[in-house]
């Protein structure tokens, strides 16, 4: 008697929920970057504020690229591979750094 073949994994709506979570996080990061630009340029721009604003925008672009790559991976296969550790760490670093830049501009 041969063992039964393992049933294929049915991911259901999990990849779609993950894509939506990436999009929400990208939107939140975009709002933080836009508010950082607005704060830096409101009432006269100092050199330090412009530098922090530029860093915030650069981090936002890096996160946008990471998120776009992951969204594309999730959409391209029915069973997407797990997020590589380097990409996960980079996404977390960009998210935290954008928040720190935005908080720095408020102080």
Protein backbone atom coordinates (compact mmCIF):
# COMPACT_ATOMS: atom_id res chain seq x y z
CA UNK A 1 0.00 0.00 0.00
CA UNK A 2 1.46 3.38 -0.99
CA UNK A 3 1.08 6.44 1.19
CA UNK A 4 -1.36 9.04 -0.02
CA UNK A 5 0.11 12.11 -1.64
CA UNK A 6 0.11 15.16 0.55
CA UNK A 7 -2.62 17.58 -0.48
CA UNK A 8 -1.46 20.81 -2.05
CA UNK A 9 -1.52 23.84 0.19
CA UNK A 10 -4.48 26.12 -0.39
CA UNK A 11 -3.30 29.60 0.58
CA UNK A 12 -6.82 31.00 0.44
CA UNK A 13 -6.86 34.76 0.83
CA UNK A 14 -3.65 34.99 2.86
CA UNK A 15 -1.49 36.30 -0.04
CA UNK A 16 -4.15 38.91 -0.83
CA UNK A 17 -4.27 40.07 2.81
CA UNK A 18 -0.48 40.28 2.83
CA UNK A 19 -0.47 42.36 -0.36
CA UNK A 20 -3.03 44.70 1.18
CA UNK A 21 -0.92 45.00 4.35
CA UNK A 22 2.11 45.96 2.27
CA UNK A 23 0.04 48.56 0.45
CA UNK A 24 -1.30 50.02 3.72
CA UNK A 25 2.20 50.24 5.14
CA UNK A 26 3.41 51.92 1.96
CA UNK A 27 0.57 54.42 2.22
CA UNK A 28 1.42 55.15 5.87
CA UNK A 29 5.06 55.65 4.97
CA UNK A 30 4.04 57.98 2.14
CA UNK A 31 1.95 60.07 4.51
CA UNK A 32 4.86 60.27 6.99
CA UNK A 33 7.24 61.36 4.21
CA UNK A 34 4.82 64.00 2.89
CA UNK A 35 4.25 65.37 6.39
CA UNK A 36 8.02 65.43 6.94
CA UNK A 37 8.45 67.49 3.77
CA UNK A 38 5.65 69.82 4.81
CA UNK A 39 7.10 70.25 8.30
CA UNK A 40 10.62 70.83 7.00
CA UNK A 41 9.53 73.48 4.52
CA UNK A 42 6.92 75.22 6.69
CA UNK A 43 8.03 78.56 8.07
CA UNK A 44 11.44 78.64 6.42
CA UNK A 45 13.72 75.73 5.77
CA UNK A 46 16.91 75.25 7.77
CA UNK A 47 19.76 73.16 6.41
CA UNK A 48 19.27 70.51 9.10
CA UNK A 49 15.54 70.22 8.37
CA UNK A 50 16.20 69.84 4.65
CA UNK A 51 18.83 67.15 5.33
CA UNK A 52 16.47 65.18 7.58
CA UNK A 53 13.70 65.62 5.03
CA UNK A 54 15.96 64.31 2.25
CA UNK A 55 16.90 61.31 4.39
CA UNK A 56 13.21 60.65 5.07
CA UNK A 57 12.41 60.78 1.36
CA UNK A 58 15.31 58.46 0.52
CA UNK A 59 14.18 55.95 3.13
CA UNK A 60 10.64 56.20 1.79
CA UNK A 61 11.88 55.38 -1.72
CA UNK A 62 13.85 52.40 -0.41
CA UNK A 63 10.78 51.08 1.40
CA UNK A 64 8.66 51.67 -1.67
CA UNK A 65 11.02 49.53 -3.75
CA UNK A 66 11.04 46.76 -1.15
CA UNK A 67 7.26 46.78 -0.87
CA UNK A 68 6.78 46.80 -4.63
CA UNK A 69 9.12 43.83 -5.02
CA UNK A 70 7.25 41.88 -2.33
CA UNK A 71 3.82 42.75 -3.73
CA UNK A 72 4.95 41.62 -7.18
CA UNK A 73 6.29 38.33 -5.72
CA UNK A 74 3.03 37.71 -3.86
CA UNK A 75 0.99 38.32 -7.01
CA UNK A 76 3.14 36.21 -9.32
CA UNK A 77 2.87 32.80 -7.66
CA UNK A 78 0.04 30.92 -5.97
CA UNK A 79 2.38 29.82 -3.13
CA UNK A 80 4.85 32.68 -2.62
CA UNK A 81 8.13 32.00 -0.83
CA UNK A 82 8.67 33.49 2.61
CA UNK A 83 10.11 36.97 2.84
CA UNK A 84 13.94 36.73 2.94
CA UNK A 85 15.50 37.88 6.21
CA UNK A 86 17.49 40.65 4.53
CA UNK A 87 14.39 42.16 2.92
CA UNK A 88 12.45 41.91 6.18
CA UNK A 89 15.25 43.62 8.08
CA UNK A 90 15.54 46.33 5.43
CA UNK A 91 11.78 46.98 5.52
CA UNK A 92 11.81 47.27 9.31
CA UNK A 93 14.86 49.52 9.21
CA UNK A 94 13.26 51.83 6.63
CA UNK A 95 9.99 52.00 8.54
CA UNK A 96 11.64 52.80 11.86
CA UNK A 97 14.05 55.27 10.27
CA UNK A 98 11.21 57.17 8.54
CA UNK A 99 9.42 57.40 11.89
CA UNK A 100 12.59 58.66 13.60
CA UNK A 101 13.17 61.25 10.86
CA UNK A 102 9.60 62.46 11.13
CA UNK A 103 9.84 62.67 14.91
CA UNK A 104 13.13 64.57 14.61
CA UNK A 105 11.44 67.18 12.45
CA UNK A 106 8.75 67.70 15.06
CA UNK A 107 11.21 68.45 17.84
